[in-house]
Amino acid sequence: MVRAKITFDLVINMTNKNFQVIGLTGGIGSGKSTVSEYLSDKGYVVIDADKIAREIVKAGAPTLQRLVSVFGDEILNEDKSLNRKKLGSIVFGDNALCRQMNAIMHGEIFRIIKERIDENRVLGYNKALFLDLPLLFETANAELYEIMDKIWVVDTDDEIRIQRIMERDEVPKESVLQIMSNQMSSEEKRKRADVVIENSGSKEELYSKLDELF
């Protein structure tokens, strides 16, 4: 049995020699989602943390039930799904409650991310796998950093980001600045990145830069 396991592990390692996990992040308005969509269209596996976060709080989901057990039925909508605004109002300004919520949510998100990475590895996926993590630096734990081979940061000037969000979401500048103030600065993200993707031009220019990276 031991010999068979070792052989199996060797086969996986040989077939997955190009397999690597890349964390993809960027502040609001940076164009991270555009990069993520392009990579997916090119055939790369992209694991989206935001999508997982929505999946685990659907009506009847175990994670949602854990949240209800801590914060009460008042965090539910009529259809028994999560009322995000209500939960946010409960934990806002209370660090202890916020940590409790994050422990429940982030713990399950990380478990699913790890599970999906392992699934792709076993299936023989043989190129870069991307983790789309909007708040990678703000919320990642040590375990998540350990499974990433590299970190890519999508970034551009703050004024460009602000203008993009104002046009996209039809919100005033003050609202965008408030969101940005709760995220790590671009300067600090750049320091922590292995690769910085400048996205101040057109989509075509961005796509060209991505193609060069590969």
N, C-alpha and C. Protein backbone atom coordinates (compact mmCIF):
# COMPACT_ATOMS: atom_id res chain seq x y z
N MET A 1 0.83 -1.21 0.00
CA MET A 1 0.00 0.00 0.00
C MET A 1 0.86 1.25 0.00
N VAL A 2 1.91 1.24 0.77
CA VAL A 2 2.79 2.40 0.84
C VAL A 2 3.45 2.65 -0.51
N ARG A 3 3.92 1.54 -1.17
CA ARG A 3 4.57 1.66 -2.48
C ARG A 3 3.60 2.27 -3.49
N ALA A 4 2.33 1.81 -3.46
CA ALA A 4 1.34 2.30 -4.41
C ALA A 4 1.09 3.79 -4.22
N LYS A 5 1.03 4.23 -2.97
CA LYS A 5 0.78 5.64 -2.68
C LYS A 5 1.94 6.50 -3.18
N ILE A 6 3.15 6.05 -2.92
CA ILE A 6 4.32 6.80 -3.36
C ILE A 6 4.32 6.92 -4.88
N THR A 7 4.02 5.80 -5.57
CA THR A 7 3.98 5.80 -7.03
C THR A 7 2.92 6.77 -7.53
N PHE A 8 1.76 6.74 -6.91
CA PHE A 8 0.66 7.61 -7.31
C PHE A 8 1.06 9.07 -7.13
N ASP A 9 1.69 9.41 -6.00
CA ASP A 9 2.14 10.77 -5.75
C ASP A 9 3.16 11.21 -6.79
N LEU A 10 4.05 10.29 -7.18
CA LEU A 10 5.07 10.62 -8.17
C LEU A 10 4.44 10.91 -9.52
N VAL A 11 3.41 10.14 -9.88
CA VAL A 11 2.72 10.34 -11.14
C VAL A 11 2.06 11.71 -11.17
N ILE A 12 1.41 12.09 -10.05
CA ILE A 12 0.77 13.40 -9.97
C ILE A 12 1.80 14.50 -10.11
N ASN A 13 2.91 14.36 -9.43
CA ASN A 13 3.96 15.39 -9.49
C ASN A 13 4.53 15.53 -10.90
N MET A 14 4.68 14.40 -11.60
CA MET A 14 5.24 14.44 -12.95
C MET A 14 4.26 15.06 -13.94
N THR A 15 2.97 14.70 -13.83
CA THR A 15 1.99 15.23 -14.78
C THR A 15 1.63 16.67 -14.47
N ASN A 16 1.84 17.11 -13.24
CA ASN A 16 1.47 18.46 -12.84
C ASN A 16 2.69 19.35 -12.67
N LYS A 17 3.72 19.15 -13.48
CA LYS A 17 4.97 19.88 -13.28
C LYS A 17 4.80 21.39 -13.49
N ASN A 18 3.76 21.81 -14.24
CA ASN A 18 3.51 23.24 -14.45
C ASN A 18 2.44 23.78 -13.52
N PHE A 19 1.93 22.96 -12.64
CA PHE A 19 0.86 23.36 -11.74
C PHE A 19 1.39 24.35 -10.71
N GLN A 20 0.75 25.50 -10.62
CA GLN A 20 1.09 26.45 -9.57
C GLN A 20 -0.15 27.25 -9.20
N VAL A 21 -0.20 27.71 -7.97
CA VAL A 21 -1.34 28.46 -7.45
C VAL A 21 -0.95 29.92 -7.35
N ILE A 22 -1.70 30.77 -8.04
CA ILE A 22 -1.40 32.20 -8.06
C ILE A 22 -2.56 32.97 -7.44
N GLY A 23 -2.27 33.75 -6.41
CA GLY A 23 -3.27 34.62 -5.81
C GLY A 23 -3.43 35.87 -6.67
N LEU A 24 -4.67 36.22 -7.00
CA LEU A 24 -4.96 37.38 -7.83
C LEU A 24 -5.79 38.37 -7.02
N THR A 25 -5.27 39.59 -6.86
CA THR A 25 -5.99 40.57 -6.06
C THR A 25 -5.80 41.96 -6.64
N GLY A 26 -6.53 42.91 -6.08
CA GLY A 26 -6.46 44.29 -6.53
C GLY A 26 -7.59 45.07 -5.88
N GLY A 27 -7.35 46.35 -5.64
CA GLY A 27 -8.36 47.18 -5.01
C GLY A 27 -9.55 47.43 -5.91
N ILE A 28 -10.60 47.97 -5.33
CA ILE A 28 -11.81 48.27 -6.08
C ILE A 28 -11.47 49.20 -7.24
N GLY A 29 -11.98 48.87 -8.44
CA GLY A 29 -11.73 49.68 -9.62
C GLY A 29 -10.41 49.43 -10.31
N SER A 30 -9.65 48.46 -9.82
CA SER A 30 -8.34 48.20 -10.41
C SER A 30 -8.42 47.43 -11.72
N GLY A 31 -9.51 46.66 -11.89
CA GLY A 31 -9.66 45.83 -13.08
C GLY A 31 -9.36 44.36 -12.82
N LYS A 32 -9.32 43.97 -11.55
CA LYS A 32 -9.04 42.58 -11.21
C LYS A 32 -10.06 41.62 -11.82
N SER A 33 -11.32 42.01 -11.78
CA SER A 33 -12.37 41.14 -12.33
C SER A 33 -12.21 40.95 -13.84
N THR A 34 -11.75 42.00 -14.53
CA THR A 34 -11.50 41.91 -15.96
C THR A 34 -10.38 40.91 -16.23
N VAL A 35 -9.34 40.96 -15.41
CA VAL A 35 -8.22 40.02 -15.53
C VAL A 35 -8.72 38.60 -15.27
N SER A 36 -9.50 38.44 -14.23
CA SER A 36 -10.03 37.13 -13.86
C SER A 36 -10.86 36.52 -14.99
N GLU A 37 -11.72 37.33 -15.59
CA GLU A 37 -12.56 36.85 -16.69
C GLU A 37 -11.71 36.46 -17.90
N TYR A 38 -10.69 37.23 -18.19
CA TYR A 38 -9.82 36.94 -19.33
C TYR A 38 -9.08 35.62 -19.13
N LEU A 39 -8.57 35.42 -17.92
CA LEU A 39 -7.85 34.18 -17.61
C LEU A 39 -8.78 32.97 -17.75
N SER A 40 -10.01 33.12 -17.27
CA SER A 40 -10.99 32.05 -17.38
C SER A 40 -11.29 31.74 -18.84
N ASP A 41 -11.45 32.79 -19.65
CA ASP A 41 -11.72 32.61 -21.08
C ASP A 41 -10.56 31.90 -21.78
N LYS A 42 -9.35 32.09 -21.26
CA LYS A 42 -8.16 31.47 -21.84
C LYS A 42 -7.97 30.02 -21.38
N GLY A 43 -8.87 29.55 -20.54
CA GLY A 43 -8.82 28.15 -20.13
C GLY A 43 -8.15 27.89 -18.79
N TYR A 44 -7.79 28.94 -18.09
CA TYR A 44 -7.18 28.75 -16.77
C TYR A 44 -8.28 28.57 -15.72
N VAL A 45 -8.02 27.74 -14.74
CA VAL A 45 -8.96 27.58 -13.64
C VAL A 45 -8.86 28.80 -12.73
N VAL A 46 -10.01 29.43 -12.47
CA VAL A 46 -10.07 30.57 -11.56
C VAL A 46 -11.06 30.24 -10.45
N ILE A 47 -10.58 30.22 -9.23
CA ILE A 47 -11.43 29.98 -8.07
C ILE A 47 -11.77 31.33 -7.46
N ASP A 48 -13.05 31.70 -7.52
CA ASP A 48 -13.51 33.02 -7.12
C ASP A 48 -14.01 32.99 -5.68
N ALA A 49 -13.30 33.66 -4.77
CA ALA A 49 -13.68 33.66 -3.36
C ALA A 49 -15.03 34.33 -3.13
N ASP A 50 -15.34 35.36 -3.90
CA ASP A 50 -16.63 36.05 -3.74
C ASP A 50 -17.80 35.12 -4.09
N LYS A 51 -17.62 34.32 -5.15
CA LYS A 51 -18.68 33.38 -5.53
C LYS A 51 -18.88 32.33 -4.44
N ILE A 52 -17.77 31.86 -3.88
CA ILE A 52 -17.86 30.88 -2.79
C ILE A 52 -18.58 31.50 -1.60
N ALA A 53 -18.25 32.76 -1.30
CA ALA A 53 -18.87 33.44 -0.17
C ALA A 53 -20.39 33.53 -0.34
N ARG A 54 -20.84 33.69 -1.58
CA ARG A 54 -22.29 33.74 -1.84
C ARG A 54 -22.91 32.34 -1.75
N GLU A 55 -22.17 31.34 -2.21
CA GLU A 55 -22.69 29.97 -2.19
C GLU A 55 -22.95 29.48 -0.77
N ILE A 56 -22.05 29.81 0.16
CA ILE A 56 -22.14 29.23 1.50
C ILE A 56 -23.17 29.90 2.39
N VAL A 57 -23.82 30.97 1.89
CA VAL A 57 -24.87 31.61 2.70
C VAL A 57 -26.23 31.53 2.01
N LYS A 58 -26.37 30.58 1.07
CA LYS A 58 -27.68 30.36 0.48
C LYS A 58 -28.59 29.71 1.52
N ALA A 59 -29.87 29.81 1.28
CA ALA A 59 -30.84 29.25 2.24
C ALA A 59 -30.56 27.79 2.52
N GLY A 60 -30.46 27.44 3.80
CA GLY A 60 -30.24 26.07 4.22
C GLY A 60 -28.80 25.64 4.29
N ALA A 61 -27.87 26.48 3.84
CA ALA A 61 -26.45 26.11 3.85
C ALA A 61 -25.93 26.01 5.28
N PRO A 62 -25.08 25.02 5.58
CA PRO A 62 -24.55 24.84 6.93
C PRO A 62 -23.87 26.09 7.50
N THR A 63 -23.12 26.80 6.65
CA THR A 63 -22.44 28.01 7.12
C THR A 63 -23.45 29.07 7.55
N LEU A 64 -24.52 29.21 6.78
CA LEU A 64 -25.56 30.17 7.15
C LEU A 64 -26.20 29.77 8.48
N GLN A 65 -26.41 28.49 8.67
CA GLN A 65 -26.99 28.02 9.94
C GLN A 65 -26.08 28.35 11.12
N ARG A 66 -24.77 28.26 10.91
CA ARG A 66 -23.83 28.62 11.97
C ARG A 66 -23.92 30.11 12.28
N LEU A 67 -24.06 30.93 11.23
CA LEU A 67 -24.20 32.37 11.45
C LEU A 67 -25.48 32.69 12.22
N VAL A 68 -26.56 31.99 11.87
CA VAL A 68 -27.84 32.21 12.57
C VAL A 68 -27.73 31.81 14.04
N SER A 69 -27.01 30.73 14.31
CA SER A 69 -26.86 30.29 15.70
C SER A 69 -26.12 31.31 16.55
N VAL A 70 -25.28 32.13 15.90
CA VAL A 70 -24.51 33.15 16.62
C VAL A 70 -25.23 34.49 16.64
N PHE A 71 -25.80 34.90 15.49
CA PHE A 71 -26.34 36.25 15.36
C PHE A 71 -27.86 36.32 15.35
N GLY A 72 -28.54 35.16 15.31
CA GLY A 72 -29.99 35.15 15.39
C GLY A 72 -30.70 35.15 14.05
N ASP A 73 -32.00 34.83 14.08
CA ASP A 73 -32.82 34.75 12.86
C ASP A 73 -32.99 36.09 12.16
N GLU A 74 -32.71 37.16 12.84
CA GLU A 74 -32.92 38.48 12.26
C GLU A 74 -31.99 38.77 11.08
N ILE A 75 -30.95 37.95 10.90
CA ILE A 75 -30.03 38.15 9.77
C ILE A 75 -30.54 37.48 8.50
N LEU A 76 -31.74 36.89 8.57
CA LEU A 76 -32.29 36.19 7.40
C LEU A 76 -33.31 37.03 6.65
N ASN A 77 -33.33 36.86 5.33
CA ASN A 77 -34.38 37.43 4.51
C ASN A 77 -35.62 36.56 4.61
N GLU A 78 -36.69 36.97 3.96
CA GLU A 78 -37.92 36.18 3.99
C GLU A 78 -37.73 34.82 3.35
N ASP A 79 -36.85 34.74 2.35
CA ASP A 79 -36.62 33.46 1.68
C ASP A 79 -35.57 32.61 2.40
N LYS A 80 -35.18 33.03 3.61
CA LYS A 80 -34.23 32.30 4.47
C LYS A 80 -32.79 32.39 3.98
N SER A 81 -32.49 33.29 3.03
CA SER A 81 -31.11 33.54 2.64
C SER A 81 -30.55 34.63 3.55
N LEU A 82 -29.27 34.90 3.43
CA LEU A 82 -28.62 35.86 4.33
C LEU A 82 -28.95 37.30 3.93
N ASN A 83 -29.33 38.08 4.92
CA ASN A 83 -29.50 39.52 4.75
C ASN A 83 -28.16 40.17 5.12
N ARG A 84 -27.36 40.42 4.11
CA ARG A 84 -26.00 40.91 4.35
C ARG A 84 -25.98 42.26 5.06
N LYS A 85 -26.90 43.13 4.68
CA LYS A 85 -26.93 44.45 5.32
C LYS A 85 -27.25 44.34 6.80
N LYS A 86 -28.16 43.45 7.15
CA LYS A 86 -28.52 43.28 8.56
C LYS A 86 -27.35 42.71 9.35
N LEU A 87 -26.69 41.70 8.79
CA LEU A 87 -25.52 41.13 9.47
C LEU A 87 -24.43 42.19 9.61
N GLY A 88 -24.24 42.98 8.56
CA GLY A 88 -23.23 44.03 8.62
C GLY A 88 -23.52 45.05 9.69
N SER A 89 -24.81 45.39 9.86
CA SER A 89 -25.18 46.38 10.87
C SER A 89 -24.95 45.85 12.28
N ILE A 90 -25.03 44.53 12.44
CA ILE A 90 -24.83 43.92 13.76
C ILE A 90 -23.36 43.91 14.14
N VAL A 91 -22.50 43.58 13.19
CA VAL A 91 -21.07 43.45 13.51
C VAL A 91 -20.30 44.76 13.36
N PHE A 92 -20.92 45.74 12.69
CA PHE A 92 -20.23 47.01 12.45
C PHE A 92 -19.81 47.68 13.76
N GLY A 93 -18.53 47.98 13.87
CA GLY A 93 -18.04 48.67 15.06
C GLY A 93 -17.75 47.78 16.24
N ASP A 94 -18.05 46.49 16.12
CA ASP A 94 -17.80 45.56 17.22
C ASP A 94 -16.73 44.56 16.76
N ASN A 95 -15.51 44.77 17.17
CA ASN A 95 -14.40 43.94 16.69
C ASN A 95 -14.57 42.47 17.05
N ALA A 96 -15.10 42.20 18.23
CA ALA A 96 -15.28 40.81 18.67
C ALA A 96 -16.28 40.08 17.78
N LEU A 97 -17.42 40.73 17.50
CA LEU A 97 -18.44 40.13 16.64
C LEU A 97 -17.92 39.99 15.21
N CYS A 98 -17.16 40.97 14.77
CA CYS A 98 -16.61 40.92 13.41
C CYS A 98 -15.64 39.75 13.27
N ARG A 99 -14.81 39.54 14.27
CA ARG A 99 -13.88 38.40 14.25
C ARG A 99 -14.64 37.09 14.26
N GLN A 100 -15.74 37.04 15.00
CA GLN A 100 -16.55 35.83 15.08
C GLN A 100 -17.16 35.52 13.71
N MET A 101 -17.69 36.55 13.05
CA MET A 101 -18.27 36.37 11.73
C MET A 101 -17.20 35.92 10.73
N ASN A 102 -16.05 36.57 10.77
CA ASN A 102 -14.97 36.23 9.83
C ASN A 102 -14.46 34.82 10.04
N ALA A 103 -14.40 34.39 11.30
CA ALA A 103 -13.92 33.04 11.59
C ALA A 103 -14.83 32.00 10.94
N ILE A 104 -16.14 32.26 10.99
CA ILE A 104 -17.11 31.33 10.38
C ILE A 104 -17.01 31.37 8.86
N MET A 105 -17.04 32.57 8.31
CA MET A 105 -17.05 32.72 6.85
C MET A 105 -15.72 32.34 6.22
N HIS A 106 -14.64 32.94 6.70
CA HIS A 106 -13.34 32.72 6.07
C HIS A 106 -12.85 31.29 6.24
N GLY A 107 -13.19 30.68 7.38
CA GLY A 107 -12.78 29.30 7.60
C GLY A 107 -13.38 28.37 6.56
N GLU A 108 -14.67 28.57 6.25
CA GLU A 108 -15.35 27.72 5.27
C GLU A 108 -14.88 28.05 3.85
N ILE A 109 -14.67 29.32 3.55
CA ILE A 109 -14.17 29.71 2.23
C ILE A 109 -12.81 29.08 1.97
N PHE A 110 -11.91 29.13 2.97
CA PHE A 110 -10.59 28.54 2.81
C PHE A 110 -10.69 27.03 2.61
N ARG A 111 -11.58 26.37 3.35
CA ARG A 111 -11.73 24.92 3.21
C ARG A 111 -12.14 24.56 1.79
N ILE A 112 -13.09 25.31 1.23
CA ILE A 112 -13.56 25.02 -0.13
C ILE A 112 -12.47 25.32 -1.16
N ILE A 113 -11.75 26.43 -0.97
CA ILE A 113 -10.64 26.75 -1.88
C ILE A 113 -9.62 25.63 -1.89
N LYS A 114 -9.22 25.17 -0.72
CA LYS A 114 -8.23 24.10 -0.62
C LYS A 114 -8.76 22.82 -1.27
N GLU A 115 -10.01 22.53 -1.07
CA GLU A 115 -10.64 21.34 -1.65
C GLU A 115 -10.61 21.40 -3.17
N ARG A 116 -10.92 22.55 -3.74
CA ARG A 116 -10.95 22.70 -5.20
C ARG A 116 -9.56 22.68 -5.80
N ILE A 117 -8.58 23.22 -5.09
CA ILE A 117 -7.20 23.13 -5.56
C ILE A 117 -6.77 21.67 -5.62
N ASP A 118 -7.04 20.92 -4.56
CA ASP A 118 -6.67 19.51 -4.51
C ASP A 118 -7.36 18.71 -5.60
N GLU A 119 -8.63 19.02 -5.87
CA GLU A 119 -9.37 18.32 -6.91
C GLU A 119 -8.70 18.51 -8.28
N ASN A 120 -8.32 19.74 -8.58
CA ASN A 120 -7.68 20.02 -9.87
C ASN A 120 -6.31 19.37 -9.96
N ARG A 121 -5.60 19.33 -8.85
CA ARG A 121 -4.28 18.70 -8.84
C ARG A 121 -4.40 17.21 -9.13
N VAL A 122 -5.36 16.56 -8.48
CA VAL A 122 -5.55 15.12 -8.67
C VAL A 122 -6.04 14.81 -10.09
N LEU A 123 -6.84 15.70 -10.66
CA LEU A 123 -7.37 15.48 -12.01
C LEU A 123 -6.33 15.73 -13.10
N GLY A 124 -5.14 16.20 -12.69
CA GLY A 124 -4.06 16.37 -13.66
C GLY A 124 -3.99 17.74 -14.30
N TYR A 125 -4.68 18.71 -13.74
CA TYR A 125 -4.59 20.08 -14.27
C TYR A 125 -3.12 20.50 -14.24
N ASN A 126 -2.65 21.05 -15.38
CA ASN A 126 -1.21 21.16 -15.57
C ASN A 126 -0.75 22.58 -15.95
N LYS A 127 -1.36 23.59 -15.36
CA LYS A 127 -0.89 24.97 -15.56
C LYS A 127 -1.33 25.83 -14.38
N ALA A 128 -1.19 27.14 -14.52
CA ALA A 128 -1.49 28.02 -13.39
C ALA A 128 -2.97 27.97 -13.02
N LEU A 129 -3.21 27.91 -11.72
CA LEU A 129 -4.56 27.98 -11.17
C LEU A 129 -4.62 29.27 -10.37
N PHE A 130 -5.68 30.06 -10.58
CA PHE A 130 -5.76 31.38 -9.96
C PHE A 130 -6.81 31.43 -8.85
N LEU A 131 -6.45 32.10 -7.76
CA LEU A 131 -7.38 32.36 -6.68
C LEU A 131 -7.76 33.83 -6.74
N ASP A 132 -8.99 34.11 -7.12
CA ASP A 132 -9.49 35.48 -7.21
C ASP A 132 -9.91 35.90 -5.81
N LEU A 133 -9.09 36.74 -5.17
CA LEU A 133 -9.29 37.12 -3.77
C LEU A 133 -9.24 38.63 -3.65
N PRO A 134 -10.38 39.31 -3.69
CA PRO A 134 -10.41 40.77 -3.65
C PRO A 134 -9.68 41.36 -2.43
N LEU A 135 -9.85 40.73 -1.29
CA LEU A 135 -9.23 41.23 -0.06
C LEU A 135 -8.17 40.25 0.45
N LEU A 136 -7.34 39.80 -0.46
CA LEU A 136 -6.34 38.79 -0.11
C LEU A 136 -5.49 39.23 1.09
N PHE A 137 -4.89 40.40 1.00
CA PHE A 137 -3.99 40.86 2.06
C PHE A 137 -4.73 41.22 3.34
N GLU A 138 -5.98 41.66 3.18
CA GLU A 138 -6.74 42.09 4.36
C GLU A 138 -7.28 40.91 5.17
N THR A 139 -7.52 39.77 4.51
CA THR A 139 -8.22 38.69 5.21
C THR A 139 -7.50 37.34 5.20
N ALA A 140 -6.49 37.16 4.36
CA ALA A 140 -5.85 35.84 4.23
C ALA A 140 -5.14 35.43 5.52
N ASN A 141 -5.22 34.12 5.81
CA ASN A 141 -4.49 33.60 6.96
C ASN A 141 -3.20 32.95 6.49
N ALA A 142 -2.40 32.53 7.44
CA ALA A 142 -1.09 31.95 7.10
C ALA A 142 -1.22 30.72 6.22
N GLU A 143 -2.27 29.91 6.45
CA GLU A 143 -2.46 28.69 5.67
C GLU A 143 -2.68 29.01 4.19
N LEU A 144 -3.43 30.09 3.94
CA LEU A 144 -3.70 30.46 2.55
C LEU A 144 -2.43 30.93 1.86
N TYR A 145 -1.62 31.70 2.55
CA TYR A 145 -0.36 32.15 1.97
C TYR A 145 0.54 30.96 1.62
N GLU A 146 0.48 29.92 2.44
CA GLU A 146 1.34 28.76 2.23
C GLU A 146 1.01 28.01 0.94
N ILE A 147 -0.24 28.04 0.52
CA ILE A 147 -0.61 27.26 -0.68
C ILE A 147 -0.45 28.07 -1.96
N MET A 148 -0.09 29.35 -1.85
CA MET A 148 0.09 30.18 -3.05
C MET A 148 1.57 30.23 -3.43
N ASP A 149 1.85 30.03 -4.72
CA ASP A 149 3.21 30.11 -5.21
C ASP A 149 3.61 31.55 -5.53
N LYS A 150 2.65 32.33 -6.01
CA LYS A 150 2.90 33.73 -6.35
C LYS A 150 1.65 34.55 -6.08
N ILE A 151 1.83 35.86 -6.02
CA ILE A 151 0.71 36.78 -5.86
C ILE A 151 0.79 37.85 -6.95
N TRP A 152 -0.28 37.97 -7.71
CA TRP A 152 -0.39 39.01 -8.73
C TRP A 152 -1.32 40.11 -8.21
N VAL A 153 -0.89 41.35 -8.34
CA VAL A 153 -1.72 42.49 -7.96
C VAL A 153 -2.03 43.31 -9.20
N VAL A 154 -3.33 43.54 -9.43
CA VAL A 154 -3.77 44.42 -10.51
C VAL A 154 -3.95 45.80 -9.92
N ASP A 155 -3.37 46.82 -10.56
CA ASP A 155 -3.41 48.14 -9.95
C ASP A 155 -3.34 49.24 -11.00
N THR A 156 -3.76 50.43 -10.59
CA THR A 156 -3.64 51.63 -11.40
C THR A 156 -3.76 52.84 -10.48
N ASP A 157 -3.65 54.04 -11.02
CA ASP A 157 -3.73 55.24 -10.20
C ASP A 157 -5.08 55.35 -9.50
N ASP A 158 -5.07 55.89 -8.29
CA ASP A 158 -6.30 56.00 -7.51
C ASP A 158 -7.38 56.80 -8.24
N GLU A 159 -6.99 57.86 -8.93
CA GLU A 159 -7.98 58.69 -9.62
C GLU A 159 -8.67 57.91 -10.73
N ILE A 160 -7.93 57.04 -11.40
CA ILE A 160 -8.55 56.20 -12.45
C ILE A 160 -9.52 55.22 -11.81
N ARG A 161 -9.11 54.63 -10.70
CA ARG A 161 -9.99 53.70 -9.99
C ARG A 161 -11.28 54.38 -9.55
N ILE A 162 -11.14 55.57 -9.00
CA ILE A 162 -12.31 56.31 -8.51
C ILE A 162 -13.27 56.60 -9.66
N GLN A 163 -12.74 57.07 -10.77
CA GLN A 163 -13.57 57.39 -11.93
C GLN A 163 -14.28 56.16 -12.46
N ARG A 164 -13.59 55.04 -12.52
CA ARG A 164 -14.21 53.80 -13.01
C ARG A 164 -15.40 53.40 -12.15
N ILE A 165 -15.22 53.43 -10.84
CA ILE A 165 -16.30 53.01 -9.94
C ILE A 165 -17.47 53.99 -9.98
N MET A 166 -17.18 55.27 -10.04
CA MET A 166 -18.26 56.26 -10.12
C MET A 166 -19.12 56.03 -11.36
N GLU A 167 -18.47 55.72 -12.49
CA GLU A 167 -19.20 55.49 -13.74
C GLU A 167 -19.91 54.15 -13.73
N ARG A 168 -19.24 53.14 -13.20
CA ARG A 168 -19.82 51.78 -13.21
C ARG A 168 -21.01 51.67 -12.28
N ASP A 169 -20.87 52.18 -11.06
CA ASP A 169 -21.90 51.99 -10.03
C ASP A 169 -22.80 53.20 -9.85
N GLU A 170 -22.49 54.28 -10.57
CA GLU A 170 -23.26 55.52 -10.46
C GLU A 170 -23.37 55.98 -9.01
N VAL A 171 -22.22 56.10 -8.39
CA VAL A 171 -22.15 56.53 -6.99
C VAL A 171 -21.25 57.76 -6.90
N PRO A 172 -21.44 58.59 -5.86
CA PRO A 172 -20.60 59.78 -5.71
C PRO A 172 -19.18 59.42 -5.28
N LYS A 173 -18.28 60.34 -5.51
CA LYS A 173 -16.87 60.13 -5.18
C LYS A 173 -16.67 59.80 -3.71
N GLU A 174 -17.45 60.43 -2.83
CA GLU A 174 -17.30 60.22 -1.40
C GLU A 174 -17.54 58.75 -1.03
N SER A 175 -18.50 58.11 -1.70
CA SER A 175 -18.80 56.70 -1.41
C SER A 175 -17.64 55.81 -1.82
N VAL A 176 -17.03 56.12 -2.96
CA VAL A 176 -15.89 55.34 -3.44
C VAL A 176 -14.71 55.50 -2.48
N LEU A 177 -14.46 56.72 -2.06
CA LEU A 177 -13.34 56.99 -1.15
C LEU A 177 -13.52 56.26 0.19
N GLN A 178 -14.77 56.14 0.63
CA GLN A 178 -15.04 55.44 1.87
C GLN A 178 -14.70 53.95 1.75
N ILE A 179 -15.06 53.37 0.61
CA ILE A 179 -14.74 51.96 0.38
C ILE A 179 -13.23 51.77 0.31
N MET A 180 -12.57 52.65 -0.42
CA MET A 180 -11.12 52.54 -0.58
C MET A 180 -10.39 52.69 0.75
N SER A 181 -10.95 53.49 1.65
CA SER A 181 -10.30 53.71 2.94
C SER A 181 -10.29 52.45 3.81
N ASN A 182 -11.19 51.52 3.49
CA ASN A 182 -11.26 50.26 4.25
C ASN A 182 -10.42 49.16 3.63
N GLN A 183 -9.73 49.48 2.52
CA GLN A 183 -8.86 48.51 1.87
C GLN A 183 -7.41 48.93 2.02
N MET A 184 -6.53 47.96 1.92
CA MET A 184 -5.10 48.24 1.99
C MET A 184 -4.71 49.16 0.83
N SER A 185 -3.78 50.05 1.08
CA SER A 185 -3.35 50.99 0.06
C SER A 185 -2.67 50.28 -1.10
N SER A 186 -2.73 50.91 -2.27
CA SER A 186 -2.06 50.35 -3.45
C SER A 186 -0.56 50.20 -3.21
N GLU A 187 0.02 51.18 -2.56
CA GLU A 187 1.46 51.16 -2.29
C GLU A 187 1.85 49.92 -1.49
N GLU A 188 1.05 49.60 -0.47
CA GLU A 188 1.37 48.44 0.37
C GLU A 188 1.14 47.14 -0.40
N LYS A 189 0.09 47.08 -1.21
CA LYS A 189 -0.17 45.88 -2.00
C LYS A 189 0.97 45.62 -2.99
N ARG A 190 1.46 46.67 -3.60
CA ARG A 190 2.56 46.53 -4.54
C ARG A 190 3.80 45.95 -3.87
N LYS A 191 4.05 46.35 -2.64
CA LYS A 191 5.21 45.86 -1.91
C LYS A 191 5.13 44.35 -1.68
N ARG A 192 3.90 43.86 -1.52
CA ARG A 192 3.71 42.45 -1.19
C ARG A 192 3.54 41.56 -2.42
N ALA A 193 3.45 42.16 -3.59
CA ALA A 193 3.18 41.40 -4.82
C ALA A 193 4.44 40.82 -5.42
N ASP A 194 4.28 39.67 -6.07
CA ASP A 194 5.35 39.10 -6.90
C ASP A 194 5.29 39.71 -8.29
N VAL A 195 4.07 40.00 -8.75
CA VAL A 195 3.86 40.62 -10.06
C VAL A 195 2.83 41.73 -9.90
N VAL A 196 3.12 42.91 -10.45
CA VAL A 196 2.16 44.01 -10.48
C VAL A 196 1.74 44.24 -11.92
N ILE A 197 0.43 44.17 -12.17
CA ILE A 197 -0.12 44.36 -13.51
C ILE A 197 -0.71 45.77 -13.58
N GLU A 198 -0.05 46.64 -14.31
CA GLU A 198 -0.53 48.01 -14.46
C GLU A 198 -1.72 48.03 -15.42
N ASN A 199 -2.82 48.66 -14.97
CA ASN A 199 -4.03 48.65 -15.78
C ASN A 199 -4.60 50.06 -15.90
N SER A 200 -3.85 50.93 -16.56
CA SER A 200 -4.29 52.30 -16.73
C SER A 200 -4.78 52.59 -18.15
N GLY A 201 -4.64 51.59 -19.03
CA GLY A 201 -5.02 51.80 -20.42
C GLY A 201 -6.29 51.06 -20.81
N SER A 202 -6.35 50.62 -22.05
CA SER A 202 -7.53 49.93 -22.58
C SER A 202 -7.51 48.46 -22.19
N LYS A 203 -8.63 47.79 -22.45
CA LYS A 203 -8.70 46.35 -22.20
C LYS A 203 -7.71 45.61 -23.08
N GLU A 204 -7.56 46.07 -24.31
CA GLU A 204 -6.65 45.41 -25.24
C GLU A 204 -5.21 45.47 -24.73
N GLU A 205 -4.84 46.62 -24.16
CA GLU A 205 -3.50 46.77 -23.59
C GLU A 205 -3.32 45.84 -22.39
N LEU A 206 -4.36 45.72 -21.59
CA LEU A 206 -4.31 44.83 -20.44
C LEU A 206 -4.16 43.38 -20.89
N TYR A 207 -4.95 42.97 -21.88
CA TYR A 207 -4.87 41.61 -22.39
C TYR A 207 -3.47 41.30 -22.94
N SER A 208 -2.88 42.26 -23.60
CA SER A 208 -1.55 42.08 -24.16
C SER A 208 -0.52 41.84 -23.05
N LYS A 209 -0.66 42.60 -21.95
CA LYS A 209 0.26 42.41 -20.82
C LYS A 209 0.10 41.02 -20.21
N LEU A 210 -1.14 40.56 -20.12
CA LEU A 210 -1.39 39.22 -19.56
C LEU A 210 -0.78 38.14 -20.46
N ASP A 211 -0.95 38.30 -21.77
CA ASP A 211 -0.38 37.33 -22.71
C ASP A 211 1.15 37.27 -22.56
N GLU A 212 1.77 38.42 -22.34
CA GLU A 212 3.23 38.46 -22.18
C GLU A 212 3.67 37.72 -20.92
N LEU A 213 2.84 37.76 -19.89
CA LEU A 213 3.19 37.09 -18.64
C LEU A 213 3.28 35.58 -18.81
N PHE A 214 2.58 35.05 -19.79
CA PHE A 214 2.57 33.61 -20.00
C PHE A 214 3.54 33.20 -21.09
